[in-house]
PDB file of N, CA and C in Angstrom:
ATOM      1  N   ILE A   1     -20.271 -47.994 -19.038  1.00  0.00           N
ATOM      2  CA  ILE A   1     -19.529 -48.835 -18.970  1.00  0.00           C
ATOM      3  C   ILE A   1     -18.816 -49.318 -18.233  1.00  0.00           C
ATOM      4  N   ASP A   2     -19.072 -50.750 -17.524  1.00  0.00           N
ATOM      5  CA  ASP A   2     -18.254 -51.074 -16.405  1.00  0.00           C
ATOM      6  C   ASP A   2     -16.824 -51.871 -17.205  1.00  0.00           C
ATOM      7  N   GLU A   3     -17.018 -52.774 -17.904  1.00  0.00           N
ATOM      8  CA  GLU A   3     -15.928 -53.215 -18.615  1.00  0.00           C
ATOM      9  C   GLU A   3     -16.402 -53.632 -20.382  1.00  0.00           C
ATOM     10  N   MET A   4     -15.141 -53.409 -20.734  1.00  0.00           N
ATOM     11  CA  MET A   4     -15.169 -53.860 -22.223  1.00  0.00           C
ATOM     12  C   MET A   4     -14.013 -54.962 -22.617  1.00  0.00           C
ATOM     13  N   HIS A   5     -14.349 -56.019 -23.043  1.00  0.00           N
ATOM     14  CA  HIS A   5     -13.269 -56.995 -23.752  1.00  0.00           C
ATOM     15  C   HIS A   5     -13.762 -57.565 -25.082  1.00  0.00           C
ATOM     16  N   ILE A   6     -12.637 -57.143 -25.865  1.00  0.00           N
ATOM     17  CA  ILE A   6     -12.570 -57.810 -27.334  1.00  0.00           C
ATOM     18  C   ILE A   6     -12.139 -59.502 -27.010  1.00  0.00           C
ATOM     19  N   ARG A   7     -12.688 -60.269 -27.590  1.00  0.00           N
ATOM     20  CA  ARG A   7     -12.230 -61.439 -27.863  1.00  0.00           C
ATOM     21  C   ARG A   7     -11.319 -61.584 -28.548  1.00  0.00           C
ATOM     22  N   ARG A   8     -10.344 -62.561 -28.053  1.00  0.00           N
ATOM     23  CA  ARG A   8      -8.802 -62.723 -28.451  1.00  0.00           C
ATOM     24  C   ARG A   8      -8.754 -63.041 -30.106  1.00  0.00           C
ATOM     25  N   ALA A   9      -9.917 -63.851 -30.580  1.00  0.00           N
ATOM     26  CA  ALA A   9     -10.017 -64.680 -31.750  1.00  0.00           C
ATOM     27  C   ALA A   9     -10.367 -63.271 -32.883  1.00  0.00           C
ATOM     28  N   VAL A  10     -10.867 -62.313 -32.370  1.00  0.00           N
ATOM     29  CA  VAL A  10     -11.162 -60.802 -33.225  1.00  0.00           C
ATOM     30  C   VAL A  10     -10.810 -59.602 -32.911  1.00  0.00           C
ATOM     31  N   ARG A  11      -9.590 -59.700 -31.972  1.00  0.00           N
ATOM     32  CA  ARG A  11      -8.647 -58.596 -31.963  1.00  0.00           C
ATOM     33  C   ARG A  11      -7.700 -57.966 -32.689  1.00  0.00           C
ATOM     34  N   GLY A  12      -7.763 -56.762 -33.013  1.00  0.00           N
ATOM     35  CA  GLY A  12      -6.988 -56.520 -33.818  1.00  0.00           C
ATOM     36  C   GLY A  12      -7.641 -55.796 -35.268  1.00  0.00           C
ATOM     37  N   ARG A  13      -9.010 -56.281 -35.317  1.00  0.00           N
ATOM     38  CA  ARG A  13      -9.720 -55.864 -36.515  1.00  0.00           C
ATOM     39  C   ARG A  13     -10.291 -54.504 -36.381  1.00  0.00           C
ATOM     40  N   GLY A  14      -9.842 -53.710 -35.588  1.00  0.00           N
ATOM     41  CA  GLY A  14     -10.661 -52.461 -35.199  1.00  0.00           C
ATOM     42  C   GLY A  14     -11.724 -52.400 -34.412  1.00  0.00           C
ATOM     43  N   ILE A  15     -12.289 -53.200 -33.804  1.00  0.00           N
ATOM     44  CA  ILE A  15     -13.682 -52.919 -33.467  1.00  0.00           C
ATOM     45  C   ILE A  15     -13.554 -52.073 -31.880  1.00  0.00           C
ATOM     46  N   GLY A  16     -12.258 -52.273 -31.100  1.00  0.00           N
ATOM     47  CA  GLY A  16     -12.594 -51.475 -29.954  1.00  0.00           C
ATOM     48  C   GLY A  16     -12.476 -49.602 -30.397  1.00  0.00           C
ATOM     49  N   THR A  17     -11.569 -49.599 -31.453  1.00  0.00           N
ATOM     50  CA  THR A  17     -11.489 -48.418 -32.206  1.00  0.00           C
ATOM     51  C   THR A  17     -12.350 -47.995 -32.357  1.00  0.00           C
ATOM     52  N   GLU A  18     -13.013 -48.478 -33.147  1.00  0.00           N
ATOM     53  CA  GLU A  18     -14.834 -48.085 -33.527  1.00  0.00           C
ATOM     54  C   GLU A  18     -15.896 -47.935 -32.590  1.00  0.00           C
ATOM     55  N   VAL A  19     -15.158 -48.462 -31.718  1.00  0.00           N
ATOM     56  CA  VAL A  19     -16.685 -48.594 -30.351  1.00  0.00           C
ATOM     57  C   VAL A  19     -15.983 -47.052 -29.280  1.00  0.00           C
ATOM     58  N   LEU A  20     -15.079 -47.183 -29.012  1.00  0.00           N
ATOM     59  CA  LEU A  20     -14.561 -45.673 -28.416  1.00  0.00           C
ATOM     60  C   LEU A  20     -14.492 -44.761 -29.444  1.00  0.00           C
ATOM     61  N   GLY A  21     -14.262 -44.522 -30.636  1.00  0.00           N
ATOM     62  CA  GLY A  21     -14.275 -43.772 -31.595  1.00  0.00           C
ATOM     63  C   GLY A  21     -15.982 -42.998 -31.722  1.00  0.00           C
ATOM     64  N   SER A  22     -16.577 -44.157 -31.445  1.00  0.00           N
ATOM     65  CA  SER A  22     -18.180 -43.605 -31.513  1.00  0.00           C
ATOM     66  C   SER A  22     -18.551 -42.711 -29.875  1.00  0.00           C
ATOM     67  N   LEU A  23     -18.263 -43.297 -29.125  1.00  0.00           N
ATOM     68  CA  LEU A  23     -18.498 -42.659 -27.681  1.00  0.00           C
ATOM     69  C   LEU A  23     -18.615 -41.435 -27.374  1.00  0.00           C
ATOM     70  N   PRO A  24     -17.247 -40.531 -27.738  1.00  0.00           N
ATOM     71  CA  PRO A  24     -17.250 -39.020 -27.191  1.00  0.00           C
ATOM     72  C   PRO A  24     -18.507 -38.392 -27.760  1.00  0.00           C
ATOM     73  N   ARG A  25     -18.678 -38.724 -28.906  1.00  0.00           N
ATOM     74  CA  ARG A  25     -19.917 -38.007 -29.638  1.00  0.00           C
ATOM     75  C   ARG A  25     -21.324 -37.928 -29.039  1.00  0.00           C
ATOM     76  N   ALA A  26     -21.818 -39.184 -28.971  1.00  0.00           N
ATOM     77  CA  ALA A  26     -22.849 -39.965 -28.843  1.00  0.00           C
ATOM     78  C   ALA A  26     -23.164 -39.543 -27.009  1.00  0.00           C
ATOM     79  N   LEU A  27     -22.014 -39.704 -25.997  1.00  0.00           N
ATOM     80  CA  LEU A  27     -21.918 -39.126 -24.355  1.00  0.00           C
ATOM     81  C   LEU A  27     -22.112 -37.644 -24.563  1.00  0.00           C
ATOM     82  N   ALA A  28     -21.103 -37.067 -25.155  1.00  0.00           N
ATOM     83  CA  ALA A  28     -21.368 -35.071 -25.041  1.00  0.00           C
ATOM     84  C   ALA A  28     -22.785 -34.817 -25.670  1.00  0.00           C
ATOM     85  N   ALA A  29     -23.784 -35.640 -26.556  1.00  0.00           N
ATOM     86  CA  ALA A  29     -24.802 -35.156 -26.579  1.00  0.00           C
ATOM     87  C   ALA A  29     -25.701 -35.722 -25.832  1.00  0.00           C
ATOM     88  N   ALA A  30     -25.356 -36.757 -24.933  1.00  0.00           N
ATOM     89  CA  ALA A  30     -26.210 -37.385 -23.736  1.00  0.00           C
ATOM     90  C   ALA A  30     -25.860 -36.257 -22.231  1.00  0.00           C
ATOM     91  N   GLY A  31     -24.652 -35.359 -22.743  1.00  0.00           N
ATOM     92  CA  GLY A  31     -24.652 -34.373 -21.485  1.00  0.00           C
ATOM     93  C   GLY A  31     -23.447 -34.500 -20.626  1.00  0.00           C
ATOM     94  N   LEU A  32     -23.322 -35.956 -21.070  1.00  0.00           N
ATOM     95  CA  LEU A  32     -21.652 -36.150 -20.155  1.00  0.00           C
ATOM     96  C   LEU A  32     -20.366 -35.128 -20.636  1.00  0.00           C
ATOM     97  N   CYS A  33     -19.585 -35.232 -19.617  1.00  0.00           N
ATOM     98  CA  CYS A  33     -18.244 -33.943 -19.743  1.00  0.00           C
ATOM     99  C   CYS A  33     -16.899 -35.035 -20.126  1.00  0.00           C
ATOM    100  N   ALA A  34     -16.824 -35.825 -19.441  1.00  0.00           N
ATOM    101  CA  ALA A  34     -15.720 -37.014 -20.019  1.00  0.00           C
ATOM    102  C   ALA A  34     -15.920 -38.422 -19.722  1.00  0.00           C
ATOM    103  N   ILE A  35     -14.975 -39.090 -20.308  1.00  0.00           N
ATOM    104  CA  ILE A  35     -14.737 -40.549 -20.066  1.00  0.00           C
ATOM    105  C   ILE A  35     -13.604 -40.892 -19.676  1.00  0.00           C
ATOM    106  N   GLU A  36     -13.800 -41.849 -18.564  1.00  0.00           N
ATOM    107  CA  GLU A  36     -12.233 -42.266 -17.753  1.00  0.00           C
ATOM    108  C   GLU A  36     -12.804 -43.954 -18.149  1.00  0.00           C
ATOM    109  N   VAL A  37     -10.996 -44.165 -18.180  1.00  0.00           N
ATOM    110  CA  VAL A  37     -10.816 -45.701 -18.202  1.00  0.00           C
ATOM    111  C   VAL A  37      -9.660 -46.394 -17.350  1.00  0.00           C
ATOM    112  N   GLU A  38      -9.648 -47.007 -16.786  1.00  0.00           N
ATOM    113  CA  GLU A  38      -8.549 -47.647 -16.005  1.00  0.00           C
ATOM    114  C   GLU A  38      -7.926 -49.072 -17.192  1.00  0.00           C
ATOM    115  N   THR A  39      -6.574 -49.279 -16.761  1.00  0.00           N
ATOM    116  CA  THR A  39      -6.363 -50.408 -17.403  1.00  0.00           C
ATOM    117  C   THR A  39      -4.624 -50.465 -17.175  1.00  0.00           C
ATOM    118  N   GLY A  40      -4.209 -51.884 -17.019  1.00  0.00           N
ATOM    119  CA  GLY A  40      -3.134 -51.982 -16.174  1.00  0.00           C
ATOM    120  C   GLY A  40      -2.212 -51.918 -17.045  1.00  0.00           C
ATOM    121  N   ARG A  41      -1.283 -51.402 -16.124  1.00  0.00           N
ATOM    122  CA  ARG A  41      -0.062 -50.670 -16.755  1.00  0.00           C
ATOM    123  C   ARG A  41       0.962 -51.352 -17.875  1.00  0.00           C
ATOM    124  N   GLU A  42       0.718 -52.570 -17.481  1.00  0.00           N
ATOM    125  CA  GLU A  42       1.910 -53.419 -18.199  1.00  0.00           C
ATOM    126  C   GLU A  42       0.805 -53.697 -19.904  1.00  0.00           C
ATOM    127  N   ASP A  43      -0.321 -53.218 -19.399  1.00  0.00           N
ATOM    128  CA  ASP A  43      -1.269 -53.965 -20.656  1.00  0.00           C
ATOM    129  C   ASP A  43      -1.169 -52.410 -21.901  1.00  0.00           C
ATOM    130  N   ALA A  44       0.131 -52.968 -22.708  1.00  0.00           N
ATOM    131  CA  ALA A  44       0.178 -51.964 -23.701  1.00  0.00           C
ATOM    132  C   ALA A  44      -0.161 -51.722 -24.978  1.00  0.00           C
ATOM    133  N   ARG A  45      -1.269 -52.845 -25.486  1.00  0.00           N
ATOM    134  CA  ARG A  45      -2.264 -52.817 -26.579  1.00  0.00           C
ATOM    135  C   ARG A  45      -3.315 -51.593 -26.045  1.00  0.00           C
ATOM    136  N   ALA A  46      -3.772 -52.286 -24.715  1.00  0.00           N
ATOM    137  CA  ALA A  46      -5.159 -51.294 -24.546  1.00  0.00           C
ATOM    138  C   ALA A  46      -4.549 -49.723 -23.953  1.00  0.00           C
ATOM    139  N   ARG A  47      -3.244 -49.455 -23.635  1.00  0.00           N
ATOM    140  CA  ARG A  47      -2.853 -48.037 -23.398  1.00  0.00           C
ATOM    141  C   ARG A  47      -2.701 -47.612 -25.174  1.00  0.00           C
ATOM    142  N   THR A  48      -2.136 -47.739 -25.867  1.00  0.00           N
ATOM    143  CA  THR A  48      -1.950 -47.544 -27.346  1.00  0.00           C
ATOM    144  C   THR A  48      -3.392 -47.137 -27.843  1.00  0.00           C
ATOM    145  N   LEU A  49      -4.638 -48.163 -27.698  1.00  0.00           N
ATOM    146  CA  LEU A  49      -5.803 -48.161 -28.307  1.00  0.00           C
ATOM    147  C   LEU A  49      -6.442 -47.059 -27.530  1.00  0.00           C
ATOM    148  N   PHE A  50      -6.032 -46.671 -26.447  1.00  0.00           N
ATOM    149  CA  PHE A  50      -6.648 -45.547 -25.274  1.00  0.00           C
ATOM    150  C   PHE A  50      -5.966 -44.277 -25.720  1.00  0.00           C
ATOM    151  N   GLY A  51      -4.785 -43.988 -26.251  1.00  0.00           N
ATOM    152  CA  GLY A  51      -3.861 -43.591 -26.648  1.00  0.00           C
ATOM    153  C   GLY A  51      -4.157 -42.724 -27.746  1.00  0.00           C
ATOM    154  N   ARG A  52      -4.682 -43.492 -29.348  1.00  0.00           N
ATOM    155  CA  ARG A  52      -4.883 -43.413 -30.253  1.00  0.00           C
ATOM    156  C   ARG A  52      -6.208 -42.603 -30.045  1.00  0.00           C
ATOM    157  N   GLN A  53      -7.039 -42.557 -29.204  1.00  0.00           N
ATOM    158  CA  GLN A  53      -8.203 -42.348 -29.287  1.00  0.00           C
ATOM    159  C   GLN A  53      -8.218 -40.977 -27.860  1.00  0.00           C
ATOM    160  N   ARG A  54      -7.347 -40.605 -27.839  1.00  0.00           N
ATOM    161  CA  ARG A  54      -6.725 -39.120 -27.226  1.00  0.00           C
ATOM    162  C   ARG A  54      -6.956 -39.317 -25.818  1.00  0.00           C
ATOM    163  N   PHE A  55      -7.137 -40.507 -24.802  1.00  0.00           N
ATOM    164  CA  PHE A  55      -7.065 -39.954 -23.947  1.00  0.00           C
ATOM    165  C   PHE A  55      -5.602 -39.978 -23.375  1.00  0.00           C
ATOM    166  N   HIS A  56      -5.553 -39.517 -22.017  1.00  0.00           N
ATOM    167  CA  HIS A  56      -4.462 -39.522 -21.260  1.00  0.00           C
ATOM    168  C   HIS A  56      -4.440 -39.796 -20.192  1.00  0.00           C
ATOM    169  N   PRO A  57      -3.275 -39.966 -19.312  1.00  0.00           N
ATOM    170  CA  PRO A  57      -3.114 -40.183 -18.063  1.00  0.00           C
ATOM    171  C   PRO A  57      -3.496 -39.240 -17.043  1.00  0.00           C
ATOM    172  N   LEU A  58      -4.127 -39.199 -16.045  1.00  0.00           N
ATOM    173  CA  LEU A  58      -4.575 -38.544 -15.098  1.00  0.00           C
ATOM    174  C   LEU A  58      -3.139 -38.179 -14.044  1.00  0.00           C
ATOM    175  N   GLU A  59      -2.997 -36.966 -14.002  1.00  0.00           N
ATOM    176  CA  GLU A  59      -2.362 -36.915 -12.890  1.00  0.00           C
ATOM    177  C   GLU A  59      -1.987 -36.750 -11.686  1.00  0.00           C
ATOM    178  N   ASP A  60      -3.553 -36.246 -11.559  1.00  0.00           N
ATOM    179  CA  ASP A  60      -4.093 -36.191  -9.912  1.00  0.00           C
ATOM    180  C   ASP A  60      -4.948 -37.344  -9.259  1.00  0.00           C
ATOM    181  N   ARG A  61      -4.556 -38.847  -9.896  1.00  0.00           N
ATOM    182  CA  ARG A  61      -5.002 -40.012  -9.498  1.00  0.00           C
ATOM    183  C   ARG A  61      -4.235 -41.145  -9.294  1.00  0.00           C
ATOM    184  N   ILE A  62      -4.087 -41.523  -8.447  1.00  0.00           N
ATOM    185  CA  ILE A  62      -3.352 -43.079  -8.174  1.00  0.00           C
ATOM    186  C   ILE A  62      -4.410 -43.696  -7.877  1.00  0.00           C
ATOM    187  N   THR A  63      -4.086 -45.341  -7.958  1.00  0.00           N
ATOM    188  CA  THR A  63      -5.117 -46.268  -7.508  1.00  0.00           C
ATOM    189  C   THR A  63      -4.002 -46.928  -6.037  1.00  0.00           C
ATOM    190  N   LEU A  64      -5.023 -47.299  -4.887  1.00  0.00           N
ATOM    191  CA  LEU A  64      -4.457 -47.878  -3.789  1.00  0.00           C
ATOM    192  C   LEU A  64      -5.069 -49.177  -4.025  1.00  0.00           C
ATOM    193  N   ARG A  65      -4.660 -50.234  -2.679  1.00  0.00           N
ATOM    194  CA  ARG A  65      -4.899 -51.318  -2.572  1.00  0.00           C
ATOM    195  C   ARG A  65      -4.397 -51.589  -1.270  1.00  0.00           C
ATOM    196  N   LEU A  66      -5.503 -52.404  -0.455  1.00  0.00           N
ATOM    197  CA  LEU A  66      -5.032 -52.764   0.921  1.00  0.00           C
ATOM    198  C   LEU A  66      -5.664 -54.260   0.591  1.00  0.00           C
ATOM    199  N   THR A  67      -4.091 -55.371   0.795  1.00  0.00           N
ATOM    200  CA  THR A  67      -4.535 -56.390   0.561  1.00  0.00           C
ATOM    201  C   THR A  67      -4.872 -56.913   2.209  1.00  0.00           C
ATOM    202  N   LEU A  68      -5.789 -57.628   2.097  1.00  0.00           N
ATOM    203  CA  LEU A  68      -6.281 -58.241   3.709  1.00  0.00           C
ATOM    204  C   LEU A  68      -5.808 -59.883   3.474  1.00  0.00           C
ATOM    205  N   HIS A  69      -5.573 -60.328   4.809  1.00  0.00           N
ATOM    206  CA  HIS A  69      -5.092 -61.099   5.007  1.00  0.00           C
ATOM    207  C   HIS A  69      -5.953 -61.913   6.075  1.00  0.00           C
ATOM    208  N   ARG A  70      -6.039 -63.289   5.788  1.00  0.00           N
ATOM    209  CA  ARG A  70      -7.127 -63.628   6.823  1.00  0.00           C
ATOM    210  C   ARG A  70      -6.522 -64.266   8.114  1.00  0.00           C
TER     211      ARG A  70
END
C-alpha cells in the first residue's frame, strides 16, 4: 500500500481501523513478516490509529531530507 487516505467527511467511522485491522492476518498468510507505515510527527489522529493497531516507532530509523535550491 503506497498511500491510504480516508475522506474527511467519513473520518471517525472506524474505516481506517477496519482496514488496518484486517491487514496483518491477510498479509501474514501471504508470507509477509512486517508492515511499516509512515506518518507525520504532528498527525496525532494517525499516530493514535496506528498505536491502537499495535504499531510502534522504529528506534533504528530516521527520515532524512536534503532540500535542493535552484
